[in-house]
Amino acid sequence: MLSYTLEEAEELLQSKLTAAEHNLSNVDEDLEFLREQTTVMEVNTARVYNWDVRRRREQRKVAEEGAPAASSMADVD
């Protein structure tokens, strides 16, 4: 078992506290970065979803406009 003098123990504990506070600061920065990236991902996901909805509506509109013309052309032959 290790034993320290009072001064050595205080110095060791202070160095551990300083290291822990530094690590906590790094973790807080990493969490903030991840929060920002989550927000960016959610916004981009919504944009892609909305783009796909518009694209499908346009395809449906084109298909509906093209369907009657194709059937009328078949009647002519």
N, C-alpha and C. Protein backbone atom coordinates (compact mmCIF):
# COMPACT_ATOMS: atom_id res chain seq x y z
N MET A 1 0.84 -1.16 0.00
CA MET A 1 0.00 0.00 0.00
C MET A 1 0.89 1.24 0.00
N LEU A 2 0.47 2.27 -0.72
CA LEU A 2 1.26 3.49 -0.82
C LEU A 2 0.89 4.46 0.29
N SER A 3 1.86 5.20 0.70
CA SER A 3 1.57 6.28 1.65
C SER A 3 2.25 7.54 1.15
N TYR A 4 1.58 8.65 1.32
CA TYR A 4 2.08 9.93 0.86
C TYR A 4 2.15 10.89 2.06
N THR A 5 3.05 11.83 1.93
CA THR A 5 3.03 12.91 2.91
C THR A 5 1.83 13.78 2.59
N LEU A 6 1.45 14.62 3.50
CA LEU A 6 0.29 15.48 3.28
C LEU A 6 0.49 16.37 2.07
N GLU A 7 1.68 16.93 1.91
CA GLU A 7 1.96 17.80 0.76
C GLU A 7 1.90 17.03 -0.55
N GLU A 8 2.47 15.81 -0.58
CA GLU A 8 2.45 14.99 -1.79
C GLU A 8 1.02 14.59 -2.14
N ALA A 9 0.24 14.23 -1.14
CA ALA A 9 -1.16 13.83 -1.38
C ALA A 9 -1.95 15.00 -1.95
N GLU A 10 -1.78 16.19 -1.37
CA GLU A 10 -2.49 17.37 -1.88
C GLU A 10 -2.07 17.68 -3.31
N GLU A 11 -0.78 17.57 -3.59
CA GLU A 11 -0.28 17.83 -4.94
C GLU A 11 -0.85 16.81 -5.92
N LEU A 12 -0.87 15.55 -5.53
CA LEU A 12 -1.41 14.50 -6.40
C LEU A 12 -2.90 14.73 -6.65
N LEU A 13 -3.64 15.00 -5.60
CA LEU A 13 -5.07 15.23 -5.75
C LEU A 13 -5.35 16.47 -6.59
N GLN A 14 -4.56 17.51 -6.42
CA GLN A 14 -4.74 18.73 -7.21
C GLN A 14 -4.46 18.46 -8.68
N SER A 15 -3.42 17.68 -8.98
CA SER A 15 -3.12 17.36 -10.37
C SER A 15 -4.24 16.51 -10.97
N LYS A 16 -4.80 15.58 -10.20
CA LYS A 16 -5.92 14.75 -10.69
C LYS A 16 -7.16 15.62 -10.92
N LEU A 17 -7.40 16.56 -10.03
CA LEU A 17 -8.54 17.46 -10.19
C LEU A 17 -8.39 18.32 -11.44
N THR A 18 -7.20 18.84 -11.66
CA THR A 18 -6.93 19.65 -12.85
C THR A 18 -7.15 18.83 -14.12
N ALA A 19 -6.65 17.60 -14.12
CA ALA A 19 -6.82 16.72 -15.29
C ALA A 19 -8.30 16.40 -15.51
N ALA A 20 -9.03 16.14 -14.43
CA ALA A 20 -10.45 15.83 -14.56
C ALA A 20 -11.24 17.03 -15.08
N GLU A 21 -10.90 18.23 -14.62
CA GLU A 21 -11.59 19.43 -15.11
C GLU A 21 -11.28 19.66 -16.58
N HIS A 22 -10.06 19.39 -16.99
CA HIS A 22 -9.69 19.53 -18.40
C HIS A 22 -10.47 18.52 -19.24
N ASN A 23 -10.55 17.28 -18.76
CA ASN A 23 -11.31 16.25 -19.49
C ASN A 23 -12.78 16.61 -19.57
N LEU A 24 -13.33 17.15 -18.49
CA LEU A 24 -14.73 17.58 -18.49
C LEU A 24 -14.95 18.67 -19.53
N SER A 25 -14.02 19.59 -19.63
CA SER A 25 -14.12 20.64 -20.64
C SER A 25 -14.13 20.06 -22.04
N ASN A 26 -13.26 19.09 -22.28
CA ASN A 26 -13.22 18.44 -23.60
C ASN A 26 -14.52 17.70 -23.90
N VAL A 27 -15.05 17.03 -22.91
CA VAL A 27 -16.30 16.30 -23.11
C VAL A 27 -17.44 17.26 -23.40
N ASP A 28 -17.49 18.39 -22.70
CA ASP A 28 -18.53 19.40 -22.96
C ASP A 28 -18.43 19.93 -24.39
N GLU A 29 -17.21 20.18 -24.85
CA GLU A 29 -17.03 20.65 -26.23
C GLU A 29 -17.48 19.59 -27.23
N ASP A 30 -17.15 18.33 -26.96
CA ASP A 30 -17.56 17.25 -27.86
C ASP A 30 -19.08 17.11 -27.89
N LEU A 31 -19.73 17.23 -26.73
CA LEU A 31 -21.19 17.15 -26.69
C LEU A 31 -21.83 18.30 -27.46
N GLU A 32 -21.29 19.48 -27.34
CA GLU A 32 -21.83 20.62 -28.08
C GLU A 32 -21.69 20.40 -29.59
N PHE A 33 -20.54 19.88 -29.99
CA PHE A 33 -20.33 19.57 -31.41
C PHE A 33 -21.35 18.54 -31.89
N LEU A 34 -21.57 17.50 -31.09
CA LEU A 34 -22.53 16.47 -31.48
C LEU A 34 -23.95 17.01 -31.54
N ARG A 35 -24.31 17.92 -30.63
CA ARG A 35 -25.63 18.55 -30.70
C ARG A 35 -25.79 19.33 -32.00
N GLU A 36 -24.77 20.08 -32.35
CA GLU A 36 -24.83 20.85 -33.60
C GLU A 36 -24.95 19.93 -34.81
N GLN A 37 -24.18 18.85 -34.81
CA GLN A 37 -24.23 17.92 -35.94
C GLN A 37 -25.57 17.21 -36.02
N THR A 38 -26.17 16.92 -34.87
CA THR A 38 -27.50 16.30 -34.86
C THR A 38 -28.52 17.25 -35.47
N THR A 39 -28.43 18.52 -35.13
CA THR A 39 -29.34 19.52 -35.70
C THR A 39 -29.15 19.62 -37.21
N VAL A 40 -27.91 19.66 -37.65
CA VAL A 40 -27.62 19.74 -39.09
C VAL A 40 -28.19 18.51 -39.80
N MET A 41 -28.01 17.33 -39.21
CA MET A 41 -28.51 16.10 -39.82
C MET A 41 -30.03 16.13 -39.91
N GLU A 42 -30.70 16.58 -38.85
CA GLU A 42 -32.16 16.63 -38.86
C GLU A 42 -32.68 17.61 -39.92
N VAL A 43 -32.03 18.75 -40.06
CA VAL A 43 -32.44 19.73 -41.07
C VAL A 43 -32.23 19.15 -42.47
N ASN A 44 -31.09 18.52 -42.69
CA ASN A 44 -30.83 17.94 -44.01
C ASN A 44 -31.77 16.79 -44.33
N THR A 45 -32.10 15.99 -43.33
CA THR A 45 -33.06 14.90 -43.53
C THR A 45 -34.42 15.47 -43.93
N ALA A 46 -34.84 16.53 -43.27
CA ALA A 46 -36.12 17.17 -43.61
C ALA A 46 -36.09 17.73 -45.03
N ARG A 47 -34.96 18.32 -45.41
CA ARG A 47 -34.85 18.88 -46.76
C ARG A 47 -34.93 17.78 -47.82
N VAL A 48 -34.24 16.67 -47.58
CA VAL A 48 -34.28 15.56 -48.54
C VAL A 48 -35.69 14.99 -48.61
N TYR A 49 -36.35 14.84 -47.47
CA TYR A 49 -37.72 14.33 -47.46
C TYR A 49 -38.64 15.25 -48.26
N ASN A 50 -38.55 16.55 -48.01
CA ASN A 50 -39.39 17.51 -48.73
C ASN A 50 -39.09 17.51 -50.22
N TRP A 51 -37.82 17.37 -50.58
CA TRP A 51 -37.45 17.29 -51.99
C TRP A 51 -38.09 16.06 -52.63
N ASP A 52 -38.06 14.93 -51.92
CA ASP A 52 -38.64 13.70 -52.45
C ASP A 52 -40.16 13.83 -52.60
N VAL A 53 -40.80 14.48 -51.65
CA VAL A 53 -42.25 14.69 -51.74
C VAL A 53 -42.58 15.52 -52.98
N ARG A 54 -41.83 16.60 -53.20
CA ARG A 54 -42.06 17.42 -54.39
C ARG A 54 -41.81 16.63 -55.67
N ARG A 55 -40.73 15.84 -55.68
CA ARG A 55 -40.40 15.04 -56.86
C ARG A 55 -41.51 14.04 -57.16
N ARG A 56 -42.04 13.39 -56.15
CA ARG A 56 -43.11 12.41 -56.37
C ARG A 56 -44.39 13.09 -56.87
N ARG A 57 -44.68 14.27 -56.32
CA ARG A 57 -45.86 15.00 -56.80
C ARG A 57 -45.72 15.36 -58.26
N GLU A 58 -44.53 15.82 -58.64
CA GLU A 58 -44.30 16.18 -60.04
C GLU A 58 -44.41 14.94 -60.94
N GLN A 59 -43.87 13.81 -60.50
CA GLN A 59 -43.97 12.58 -61.29
C GLN A 59 -45.42 12.15 -61.43
N ARG A 60 -46.17 12.25 -60.34
CA ARG A 60 -47.58 11.86 -60.38
C ARG A 60 -48.34 12.78 -61.32
N LYS A 61 -48.03 14.07 -61.26
CA LYS A 61 -48.70 15.04 -62.13
C LYS A 61 -48.40 14.75 -63.60
N VAL A 62 -47.14 14.48 -63.91
CA VAL A 62 -46.75 14.16 -65.28
C VAL A 62 -47.42 12.87 -65.73
N ALA A 63 -47.49 11.88 -64.85
CA ALA A 63 -48.12 10.61 -65.21
C ALA A 63 -49.62 10.79 -65.45
N GLU A 64 -50.27 11.62 -64.63
CA GLU A 64 -51.70 11.86 -64.81
C GLU A 64 -51.98 12.64 -66.08
N GLU A 65 -51.11 13.58 -66.42
CA GLU A 65 -51.29 14.35 -67.65
C GLU A 65 -50.99 13.49 -68.87
N GLY A 66 -50.03 12.59 -68.73
CA GLY A 66 -49.65 11.75 -69.86
C GLY A 66 -50.60 10.60 -70.09
N ALA A 67 -51.29 10.11 -69.09
CA ALA A 67 -52.15 8.95 -69.21
C ALA A 67 -53.33 9.20 -70.14
N PRO A 68 -54.08 10.30 -70.01
CA PRO A 68 -55.19 10.52 -70.94
C PRO A 68 -54.72 10.69 -72.38
N ALA A 69 -53.60 11.35 -72.57
CA ALA A 69 -53.10 11.54 -73.94
C ALA A 69 -52.70 10.21 -74.54
N ALA A 70 -52.12 9.33 -73.78
CA ALA A 70 -51.72 8.02 -74.31
C ALA A 70 -52.93 7.19 -74.64
N SER A 71 -53.97 7.24 -73.83
CA SER A 71 -55.17 6.45 -74.11
C SER A 71 -55.91 7.01 -75.33
N SER A 72 -55.91 8.32 -75.51
CA SER A 72 -56.57 8.89 -76.68
C SER A 72 -55.80 8.55 -77.94
N MET A 73 -54.47 8.45 -77.83
CA MET A 73 -53.68 8.06 -79.00
C MET A 73 -53.95 6.60 -79.35
N ALA A 74 -54.18 5.77 -78.37
CA ALA A 74 -54.46 4.37 -78.63
C ALA A 74 -55.82 4.23 -79.33
N ASP A 75 -56.77 5.10 -79.02
CA ASP A 75 -58.08 5.05 -79.64
C ASP A 75 -58.03 5.46 -81.10
N VAL A 76 -57.06 6.30 -81.47
CA VAL A 76 -56.95 6.78 -82.84
C VAL A 76 -56.48 5.66 -83.75
N ASP A 77 -55.59 4.81 -83.27
CA ASP A 77 -55.07 3.72 -84.12
C ASP A 77 -56.12 2.76 -84.38
